[in-house]
């Protein structure tokens, strides 16, 4: 598949290209045209022209367009889910439910907010202008939708930079734009692996706000760039980055609980912002959990395709994951940690796609593995004597996105109250909770307001 950026009125050719590989096989999946700085300037100009018209649109106009988007997404669920699942190395059914259908729910929530809006005499909301969304590959249509449709509902135009690790999401967005006959300049979709493109989107004065979701390193670079520009201009900025999600199991590992827990670790292999990264178990259940994990990992085989329902061992899609895994695996051994590892031998064709699923035990609480964001299947197994000990060891992480608690709900409440995270899920995985998670600590920065009529996507004027 040949993938190009969707920039209206851009006549400049896009000579640079990069290849997107199939995560399951390593073979070339797409040839992607990489947008450059000139195309970004053209996209901003087109978006500014589009904004001049769209900011005058009525709530009815906006509702009708968003309803058209919802109808197209609904009608093409399977098609879009297959495209995104293959790019991201994830199961088809998982992507359909938690990316495509979640995007539809988000869209319908935005429509309901527009229907429910009641103007008041003392508060006026007006559009911002051109909004830039820079997004991770993780279930990217879902994550983009959580920001895109609220921005449009508020009367803004949007430039979306799709992750180079999942460029096919640009194809899905282009299909939506064309089939819904969206107004010219309303949504520009950019595919690029050039650092200059991200830098220009962040610093260009024509961009009034930036919503970023992705790796901590990139988030830090964006903060540095916006700080350097602050004397000339301040931008609204919204960052969701970094996750070190805790899982807590207060029961023995019966089949139902074990399945729920392992899914939160295994699907995505530690690369998803929703993945669990550390599992706390009670001392009295330690041997049962270790035996269950060893048996599971010993029989684990790599997932072979998006339709393979026999295994949750999905591939790693980023080269950096392999480098991080090797380095931290060595540190874990040097720290004399005990390792529980997937024992199935990988063949040569799989070694560049899959990393061994590894649980370390008895790691120091100040170890690199405990503190840093790790985008690879290198997890921590920790034993505590009492449930109230979990917070003491979990809250030392720099991140505070979500926690997943499993067991009798009445016994989970005190643990939930003590954890420093933005979302606590009882007997479910946070990916099942629709909508963006307002994390705390290093997992969030800026105005974590995702409403149409809120502080981020709109200018708010109070009249007294």
Protein backbone atom coordinates (compact mmCIF):
# COMPACT_ATOMS: atom_id res chain seq x y z
CA UNK A 1 0.00 0.00 0.00
CA UNK A 2 1.22 3.49 -0.88
CA UNK A 3 0.39 6.01 1.87
CA UNK A 4 0.46 9.77 1.37
CA UNK A 5 -0.35 12.69 3.59
CA UNK A 6 -3.75 14.30 3.18
CA UNK A 7 -3.04 18.00 2.75
CA UNK A 8 -5.59 19.96 0.79
CA UNK A 9 -4.21 22.33 -1.87
CA UNK A 10 -0.64 21.01 -1.41
CA UNK A 11 0.89 20.62 -4.87
CA UNK A 12 4.47 19.93 -3.75
CA UNK A 13 5.63 16.37 -4.35
CA UNK A 14 6.67 14.27 -1.36
CA UNK A 15 9.96 12.70 -2.50
CA UNK A 16 11.13 11.15 0.79
CA UNK A 17 9.70 7.79 1.79
CA UNK A 18 9.94 5.31 4.61
CA UNK A 19 8.87 1.69 4.85
CA UNK A 20 6.39 0.26 7.34
CA UNK A 21 6.99 -3.41 8.09
CA UNK A 22 4.49 -6.11 8.94
CA UNK A 23 4.97 -6.64 12.71
CA UNK A 24 4.27 -10.38 12.40
CA UNK A 25 6.68 -11.16 9.53
CA UNK A 26 9.08 -8.24 9.16
CA UNK A 27 8.22 -7.90 5.47
CA UNK A 28 7.45 -4.51 3.89
CA UNK A 29 3.77 -3.68 4.38
CA UNK A 30 3.54 -0.05 3.15
CA UNK A 31 5.64 2.48 1.32
CA UNK A 32 4.89 5.79 3.02
CA UNK A 33 5.52 9.27 1.61
CA UNK A 34 7.12 11.35 4.34
CA UNK A 35 5.78 14.86 4.63
CA UNK A 36 8.37 17.64 5.02
CA UNK A 37 8.35 21.18 6.48
CA UNK A 38 7.06 22.76 3.24
CA UNK A 39 4.00 20.51 3.29
CA UNK A 40 3.39 21.37 6.95
CA UNK A 41 3.34 25.08 6.15
CA UNK A 42 0.85 24.40 3.36
CA UNK A 43 -1.27 22.31 5.73
CA UNK A 44 -1.34 25.13 8.29
CA UNK A 45 -2.31 27.65 5.62
CA UNK A 46 -5.11 25.39 4.41
CA UNK A 47 -6.31 24.82 7.98
CA UNK A 48 -6.34 28.57 8.65
CA UNK A 49 -8.50 29.16 5.57
CA UNK A 50 -10.79 26.35 6.65
CA UNK A 51 -11.04 27.82 10.15
CA UNK A 52 -12.22 31.17 8.79
CA UNK A 53 -15.38 29.38 7.60
CA UNK A 54 -15.77 26.57 10.14
CA UNK A 55 -15.67 28.89 13.16
CA UNK A 56 -18.92 30.41 11.86
CA UNK A 57 -20.65 27.01 11.57
CA UNK A 58 -23.73 26.35 13.69
CA UNK A 59 -24.05 23.59 16.25
CA UNK A 60 -26.40 21.88 13.79
CA UNK A 61 -23.71 21.94 11.09
CA UNK A 62 -21.19 20.40 13.46
CA UNK A 63 -23.60 17.75 14.71
CA UNK A 64 -24.51 16.74 11.16
CA UNK A 65 -20.86 16.33 10.16
CA UNK A 66 -20.01 14.33 13.28
CA UNK A 67 -23.05 12.11 12.70
CA UNK A 68 -21.74 11.45 9.19
CA UNK A 69 -18.36 10.44 10.65
CA UNK A 70 -20.10 8.10 13.10
CA UNK A 71 -22.13 6.48 10.33
CA UNK A 72 -19.02 5.79 8.21
CA UNK A 73 -17.10 4.38 11.19
CA UNK A 74 -20.05 2.18 12.08
CA UNK A 75 -20.40 0.86 8.52
CA UNK A 76 -16.69 0.09 8.05
CA UNK A 77 -15.73 -1.31 11.47
CA UNK A 78 -14.23 -4.56 10.22
CA UNK A 79 -12.30 -2.92 7.38
CA UNK A 80 -10.73 -0.27 9.61
CA UNK A 81 -10.02 -2.71 12.45
CA UNK A 82 -8.13 -5.06 10.11
CA UNK A 83 -6.04 -2.22 8.71
CA UNK A 84 -5.08 -0.90 12.13
CA UNK A 85 -4.56 -4.33 13.74
CA UNK A 86 -2.06 -5.37 11.07
CA UNK A 87 -0.09 -2.12 11.35
CA UNK A 88 0.04 -2.40 15.14
CA UNK A 89 0.56 -6.14 15.55
CA UNK A 90 -2.61 -6.52 17.64
CA UNK A 91 -5.56 -8.95 17.50
CA UNK A 92 -8.34 -7.94 15.10
CA UNK A 93 -11.17 -8.40 17.64
CA UNK A 94 -9.26 -6.40 20.26
CA UNK A 95 -8.72 -3.47 17.87
CA UNK A 96 -12.31 -3.56 16.65
CA UNK A 97 -13.70 -3.37 20.18
CA UNK A 98 -11.20 -1.08 21.87
CA UNK A 99 -10.17 1.20 19.02
CA UNK A 100 -12.89 1.42 16.37
CA UNK A 101 -15.93 0.93 18.62
CA UNK A 102 -14.37 3.09 21.32
CA UNK A 103 -13.86 5.86 18.72
CA UNK A 104 -17.55 5.60 17.80
CA UNK A 105 -18.56 5.93 21.47
CA UNK A 106 -16.32 8.97 21.86
CA UNK A 107 -17.85 10.51 18.76
CA UNK A 108 -21.39 9.91 20.02
CA UNK A 109 -20.46 11.47 23.38
CA UNK A 110 -19.24 14.59 21.59
CA UNK A 111 -22.50 14.75 19.63
CA UNK A 112 -24.49 14.44 22.88
CA UNK A 113 -22.45 17.25 24.43
CA UNK A 114 -23.28 19.47 21.47
CA UNK A 115 -26.99 18.61 21.75
CA UNK A 116 -26.96 19.33 25.49
CA UNK A 117 -25.14 22.66 25.24
CA UNK A 118 -27.11 25.59 26.68
CA UNK A 119 -25.62 29.08 26.19
CA UNK A 120 -25.47 31.22 29.31
CA UNK A 121 -25.34 34.99 29.70
CA UNK A 122 -22.13 35.03 31.70
CA UNK A 123 -19.94 32.49 29.86
CA UNK A 124 -19.04 32.45 26.17
CA UNK A 125 -17.09 29.71 24.37
CA UNK A 126 -15.34 30.50 21.10
CA UNK A 127 -13.08 28.39 18.83
CA UNK A 128 -9.30 28.48 19.31
CA UNK A 129 -8.09 28.14 15.70
CA UNK A 130 -5.82 25.43 14.30
CA UNK A 131 -5.17 22.55 16.72
CA UNK A 132 -2.29 20.08 16.25
CA UNK A 133 -2.74 16.48 17.41
CA UNK A 134 0.48 14.46 17.57
CA UNK A 135 -0.30 10.88 18.40
CA UNK A 136 1.16 7.52 19.43
CA UNK A 137 0.54 4.37 17.40
CA UNK A 138 -1.30 2.72 20.34
CA UNK A 139 -4.88 2.09 19.13
CA UNK A 140 -4.30 5.34 17.28
CA UNK A 141 -7.77 5.88 15.79
CA UNK A 142 -9.21 5.71 19.30
CA UNK A 143 -6.66 8.10 20.78
CA UNK A 144 -6.95 10.57 17.90
CA UNK A 145 -10.75 10.46 18.09
CA UNK A 146 -10.68 11.38 21.79
CA UNK A 147 -9.18 14.72 20.74
CA UNK A 148 -10.15 15.28 17.10
CA UNK A 149 -13.93 15.26 17.40
CA UNK A 150 -14.06 17.50 20.47
CA UNK A 151 -11.78 19.97 18.66
CA UNK A 152 -14.06 19.98 15.61
CA UNK A 153 -17.17 20.27 17.78
CA UNK A 154 -15.70 23.40 19.37
CA UNK A 155 -15.31 24.98 15.92
CA UNK A 156 -11.59 24.44 15.35
CA UNK A 157 -9.70 23.00 12.40
CA UNK A 158 -7.18 20.25 13.04
CA UNK A 159 -3.84 18.94 11.77
CA UNK A 160 -3.27 15.32 12.79
CA UNK A 161 0.24 13.87 12.72
CA UNK A 162 -0.20 10.12 12.60
CA UNK A 163 2.55 7.96 14.10
CA UNK A 164 5.03 6.57 11.58
CA UNK A 165 4.63 3.23 13.39
CA UNK A 166 0.98 3.05 12.28
CA UNK A 167 0.68 5.15 9.11
CA UNK A 168 -2.40 3.23 7.94
CA UNK A 169 -4.44 5.28 10.43
CA UNK A 170 -3.91 8.16 7.98
CA UNK A 171 -5.66 6.07 5.32
CA UNK A 172 -8.64 5.53 7.63
CA UNK A 173 -8.90 9.25 8.40
CA UNK A 174 -8.64 10.11 4.70
CA UNK A 175 -11.51 7.74 3.94
CA UNK A 176 -13.60 9.43 6.65
CA UNK A 177 -12.85 12.92 5.33
CA UNK A 178 -13.71 12.04 1.73
CA UNK A 179 -16.79 9.92 2.38
CA UNK A 180 -18.28 12.53 4.72
CA UNK A 181 -17.38 15.39 2.35
CA UNK A 182 -15.86 17.36 5.20
CA UNK A 183 -15.36 21.09 4.51
CA UNK A 184 -12.09 22.01 2.86
CA UNK A 185 -9.21 22.56 5.28
CA UNK A 186 -11.11 21.10 8.24
CA UNK A 187 -8.77 18.14 8.84
CA UNK A 188 -5.24 17.78 7.49
CA UNK A 189 -3.59 14.39 8.01
CA UNK A 190 0.20 14.20 8.04
CA UNK A 191 2.42 11.12 7.77
CA UNK A 192 6.11 11.71 8.41
CA UNK A 193 9.13 10.29 10.17
CA UNK A 194 11.02 13.58 10.05
CA UNK A 195 11.78 15.33 13.36
CA UNK A 196 11.48 18.74 11.65
CA UNK A 197 7.78 18.11 10.98
CA UNK A 198 6.96 17.53 14.66
CA UNK A 199 9.10 20.51 15.66
CA UNK A 200 7.31 22.80 13.21
CA UNK A 201 3.86 21.67 14.35
CA UNK A 202 4.84 22.44 17.94
CA UNK A 203 6.49 25.84 17.33
CA UNK A 204 4.62 27.40 14.38
CA UNK A 205 2.62 30.49 15.46
CA UNK A 206 -0.29 29.36 13.28
CA UNK A 207 -0.87 26.41 15.64
CA UNK A 208 -2.84 27.63 18.66
CA UNK A 209 -2.81 24.46 20.76
CA UNK A 210 -1.00 21.11 20.79
CA UNK A 211 -2.41 17.84 22.11
CA UNK A 212 0.29 15.16 22.34
CA UNK A 213 0.07 11.46 23.24
CA UNK A 214 3.21 9.35 23.14
CA UNK A 215 6.57 8.46 24.59
CA UNK A 216 8.04 10.36 27.50
CA UNK A 217 11.19 11.29 25.58
CA UNK A 218 9.15 12.96 22.83
CA UNK A 219 6.97 14.68 25.44
CA UNK A 220 10.09 16.12 27.07
CA UNK A 221 11.31 17.41 23.69
CA UNK A 222 7.96 19.11 23.06
CA UNK A 223 8.04 20.79 26.47
CA UNK A 224 11.57 22.00 25.80
CA UNK A 225 10.58 23.42 22.40
CA UNK A 226 7.50 25.22 23.71
CA UNK A 227 9.51 26.63 26.63
CA UNK A 228 12.12 28.00 24.23
CA UNK A 229 9.32 29.75 22.30
CA UNK A 230 7.53 31.08 25.37
CA UNK A 231 8.88 34.63 25.16
CA UNK A 232 7.33 35.03 21.70
CA UNK A 233 4.20 32.95 22.28
CA UNK A 234 2.52 30.66 24.78
CA UNK A 235 0.48 27.76 23.46
CA UNK A 236 -2.11 25.67 25.16
CA UNK A 237 -0.51 22.27 25.57
CA UNK A 238 -1.88 18.92 26.60
CA UNK A 239 0.44 15.94 27.15
CA UNK A 240 -0.44 12.37 28.02
CA UNK A 241 2.74 10.34 28.32
CA UNK A 242 4.36 7.67 30.40
CA UNK A 243 2.66 4.74 32.06
CA UNK A 244 3.77 2.32 34.74
CA UNK A 245 0.45 0.68 35.46
CA UNK A 246 0.12 -1.44 38.58
CA UNK A 247 -1.88 -4.67 38.70
CA UNK A 248 -2.91 -6.08 42.08
CA UNK A 249 -4.35 -9.57 42.60
CA UNK A 250 -5.64 -10.23 46.12
CA UNK A 251 -6.88 -13.76 45.37
CA UNK A 252 -5.49 -17.08 44.24
CA UNK A 253 -5.01 -17.35 40.46
CA UNK A 254 -8.21 -19.11 39.43
CA UNK A 255 -8.71 -19.34 35.67
CA UNK A 256 -10.98 -16.29 35.44
CA UNK A 257 -8.70 -13.96 37.43
CA UNK A 258 -5.55 -15.27 35.74
CA UNK A 259 -7.03 -14.58 32.29
CA UNK A 260 -8.01 -11.02 33.23
CA UNK A 261 -4.60 -10.30 34.72
CA UNK A 262 -2.50 -11.79 31.90
CA UNK A 263 -4.46 -9.98 29.19
CA UNK A 264 -3.52 -6.64 30.71
CA UNK A 265 0.16 -7.58 30.45
CA UNK A 266 0.26 -9.66 27.29
CA UNK A 267 -1.81 -7.91 24.61
CA UNK A 268 0.57 -5.27 23.31
CA UNK A 269 3.63 -6.65 25.14
CA UNK A 270 4.14 -3.70 27.45
CA UNK A 271 4.05 -1.23 24.54
CA UNK A 272 0.50 0.03 25.10
CA UNK A 273 -0.21 2.89 27.47
CA UNK A 274 -2.89 0.67 29.04
CA UNK A 275 -0.61 -2.32 29.73
CA UNK A 276 0.08 -3.46 33.28
CA UNK A 277 3.77 -3.38 34.11
CA UNK A 278 3.97 -4.67 37.69
CA UNK A 279 1.94 -7.40 39.38
CA UNK A 280 1.49 -7.41 43.15
CA UNK A 281 0.36 -10.65 44.79
CA UNK A 282 -0.09 -11.66 48.41
CA UNK A 283 2.63 -13.68 50.11
CA UNK A 284 0.21 -16.50 50.93
CA UNK A 285 -0.61 -16.92 47.20
CA UNK A 286 2.94 -16.59 45.92
CA UNK A 287 3.64 -20.21 45.02
CA UNK A 288 0.28 -20.64 43.28
CA UNK A 289 0.84 -17.52 41.15
CA UNK A 290 4.43 -18.41 40.30
CA UNK A 291 3.45 -21.92 39.26
CA UNK A 292 0.56 -20.64 37.17
CA UNK A 293 2.81 -18.07 35.45
CA UNK A 294 5.56 -20.61 34.81
CA UNK A 295 3.12 -23.08 33.29
CA UNK A 296 1.59 -20.35 31.13
CA UNK A 297 4.89 -18.92 29.90
CA UNK A 298 6.32 -22.40 29.31
CA UNK A 299 3.59 -23.23 26.78
CA UNK A 300 3.34 -19.76 25.22
CA UNK A 301 3.78 -19.52 21.45
CA UNK A 302 4.01 -16.35 19.32
CA UNK A 303 0.79 -14.99 17.85
CA UNK A 304 1.02 -15.52 14.08
CA UNK A 305 -1.58 -13.10 12.71
CA UNK A 306 -4.32 -10.64 13.65
CA UNK A 307 -6.80 -13.54 13.57
CA UNK A 308 -4.75 -15.92 15.74
CA UNK A 309 -6.85 -16.39 18.89
CA UNK A 310 -4.62 -19.10 20.40
CA UNK A 311 -1.98 -16.74 21.80
CA UNK A 312 -1.71 -13.28 23.37
CA UNK A 313 2.04 -13.07 22.64
CA UNK A 314 1.90 -10.26 20.10
CA UNK A 315 5.00 -8.81 18.36
CA UNK A 316 7.00 -5.72 19.36
CA UNK A 317 6.88 -3.09 16.63
CA UNK A 318 9.67 -0.73 17.66
CA UNK A 319 13.39 -1.43 17.32
CA UNK A 320 14.01 0.51 20.54
CA UNK A 321 12.00 -2.12 22.45
CA UNK A 322 14.66 -4.71 21.69
CA UNK A 323 17.48 -2.42 22.79
CA UNK A 324 15.66 -1.50 26.02
CA UNK A 325 14.81 -5.14 26.74
CA UNK A 326 18.39 -6.35 26.37
CA UNK A 327 19.77 -3.56 28.58
CA UNK A 328 17.20 -3.92 31.36
CA UNK A 329 17.28 -7.71 31.24
CA UNK A 330 21.00 -7.50 31.99
CA UNK A 331 20.32 -5.06 34.83
CA UNK A 332 17.72 -7.41 36.27
CA UNK A 333 20.20 -10.28 36.28
CA UNK A 334 22.88 -8.08 37.81
CA UNK A 335 20.38 -7.18 40.55
CA UNK A 336 20.09 -10.93 41.19
CA UNK A 337 16.43 -10.91 40.30
CA UNK A 338 14.71 -14.22 39.65
CA UNK A 339 13.28 -14.48 36.13
CA UNK A 340 10.12 -16.19 34.93
CA UNK A 341 10.38 -16.26 31.15
CA UNK A 342 8.56 -17.58 28.11
CA UNK A 343 10.40 -20.76 27.16
CA UNK A 344 9.16 -21.34 23.62
CA UNK A 345 12.16 -21.17 21.21
CA UNK A 346 11.87 -18.47 18.55
CA UNK A 347 13.02 -19.25 15.03
CA UNK A 348 15.17 -16.83 13.04
CA UNK A 349 12.19 -15.23 11.25
CA UNK A 350 10.56 -14.40 14.61
CA UNK A 351 13.55 -12.98 16.51
CA UNK A 352 13.19 -9.50 15.01
CA UNK A 353 9.45 -9.39 15.82
CA UNK A 354 9.15 -11.03 19.24
CA UNK A 355 10.82 -10.59 22.61
CA UNK A 356 10.65 -13.21 25.38
CA UNK A 357 7.89 -12.39 27.86
CA UNK A 358 9.72 -11.98 31.16
CA UNK A 359 8.56 -11.47 34.74
CA UNK A 360 11.32 -10.49 37.18
CA UNK A 361 10.98 -11.05 40.90
CA UNK A 362 12.79 -9.50 43.87
CA UNK A 363 13.85 -6.37 42.00
CA UNK A 364 15.00 -3.40 44.06
CA UNK A 365 12.29 -0.74 44.37
CA UNK A 366 14.76 1.88 43.16
CA UNK A 367 15.81 -0.16 40.13
CA UNK A 368 15.74 1.28 36.62
CA UNK A 369 13.13 -1.27 35.63
CA UNK A 370 10.81 -0.14 38.41
CA UNK A 371 11.18 3.58 37.74
CA UNK A 372 11.44 3.99 33.97
CA UNK A 373 8.85 3.67 31.25
CA UNK A 374 9.65 0.35 29.52
CA UNK A 375 8.03 -0.30 26.14
CA UNK A 376 8.81 -4.01 26.06
CA UNK A 377 7.51 -7.22 27.72
CA UNK A 378 9.74 -6.96 30.78
CA UNK A 379 7.48 -7.01 33.84
CA UNK A 380 7.88 -7.11 37.62
CA UNK A 381 6.32 -9.65 39.99
CA UNK A 382 6.19 -8.39 43.60
CA UNK A 383 5.01 -10.11 46.76
CA UNK A 384 3.50 -8.25 49.73
CA UNK A 385 2.29 -9.59 53.06
CA UNK A 386 -0.73 -7.30 53.36
CA UNK A 387 -2.83 -5.38 50.80
CA UNK A 388 -1.96 -2.01 52.38
CA UNK A 389 1.72 -2.65 51.52
CA UNK A 390 0.99 -2.28 47.79
CA UNK A 391 0.85 1.52 47.83
CA UNK A 392 4.18 1.75 49.66
CA UNK A 393 5.94 0.01 46.77
CA UNK A 394 3.74 1.09 43.85
CA UNK A 395 3.65 4.84 44.50
CA UNK A 396 7.42 5.15 44.13
CA UNK A 397 6.97 5.12 40.34
CA UNK A 398 7.31 8.43 38.50
CA UNK A 399 4.09 7.67 36.60
CA UNK A 400 0.43 7.72 37.58
CA UNK A 401 -1.86 6.64 34.76
CA UNK A 402 -3.90 3.60 35.86
CA UNK A 403 -4.09 0.63 38.23
CA UNK A 404 -5.90 -2.68 37.76
CA UNK A 405 -7.20 -4.41 40.88
CA UNK A 406 -8.54 -7.97 40.97
CA UNK A 407 -10.40 -9.78 43.72
CA UNK A 408 -13.45 -9.30 45.93
CA UNK A 409 -14.47 -5.67 45.29
CA UNK A 410 -15.13 -4.81 48.93
CA UNK A 411 -11.51 -5.75 49.73
CA UNK A 412 -10.12 -3.62 46.91
CA UNK A 413 -11.41 -0.26 48.15
CA UNK A 414 -8.61 0.57 50.59
CA UNK A 415 -5.94 -0.31 48.03
CA UNK A 416 -7.72 1.84 45.43
CA UNK A 417 -7.85 4.84 47.78
CA UNK A 418 -4.12 4.71 48.49
CA UNK A 419 -2.77 4.43 44.92
CA UNK A 420 -1.44 7.58 43.22
CA UNK A 421 -2.97 7.11 39.75
CA UNK A 422 -5.56 8.85 37.61
CA UNK A 423 -7.75 5.76 37.10
CA UNK A 424 -8.40 2.66 39.18
CA UNK A 425 -10.19 -0.28 37.57
CA UNK A 426 -11.72 -3.08 39.62
CA UNK A 427 -11.74 -6.49 37.93
CA UNK A 428 -11.25 -4.91 34.53
CA UNK A 429 -8.50 -3.52 32.34
CA UNK A 430 -8.25 0.24 31.79
CA UNK A 431 -8.39 -0.21 28.00
CA UNK A 432 -12.04 -1.19 28.54
CA UNK A 433 -12.81 2.28 29.93
CA UNK A 434 -13.74 4.56 27.02
CA UNK A 435 -12.35 8.05 26.86
CA UNK A 436 -8.95 9.53 27.74
CA UNK A 437 -7.46 8.93 31.18
CA UNK A 438 -6.42 12.12 33.03
CA UNK A 439 -3.23 10.74 34.54
CA UNK A 440 -1.18 12.31 37.33
CA UNK A 441 2.55 12.77 38.02
CA UNK A 442 4.64 12.41 34.83
CA UNK A 443 1.77 10.71 33.01
CA UNK A 444 0.07 14.05 32.37
CA UNK A 445 0.84 17.70 31.75
CA UNK A 446 -1.17 20.75 30.74
CA UNK A 447 -4.91 21.18 30.59
CA UNK A 448 -6.39 17.68 30.86
CA UNK A 449 -9.81 18.80 29.64
CA UNK A 450 -11.25 16.84 26.72
CA UNK A 451 -14.72 18.41 26.52
CA UNK A 452 -16.01 20.40 23.56
CA UNK A 453 -17.00 23.25 25.88
CA UNK A 454 -14.03 23.14 28.22
CA UNK A 455 -10.78 25.00 28.79
CA UNK A 456 -8.58 23.39 26.15
CA UNK A 457 -10.43 23.21 22.82
CA UNK A 458 -12.22 26.52 23.35
CA UNK A 459 -11.46 30.04 24.48
CA UNK A 460 -13.63 30.82 27.51
CA UNK A 461 -14.86 34.34 28.21
CA UNK A 462 -16.56 35.12 31.52
CA UNK A 463 -18.95 38.10 31.48
CA UNK A 464 -19.71 39.78 34.78
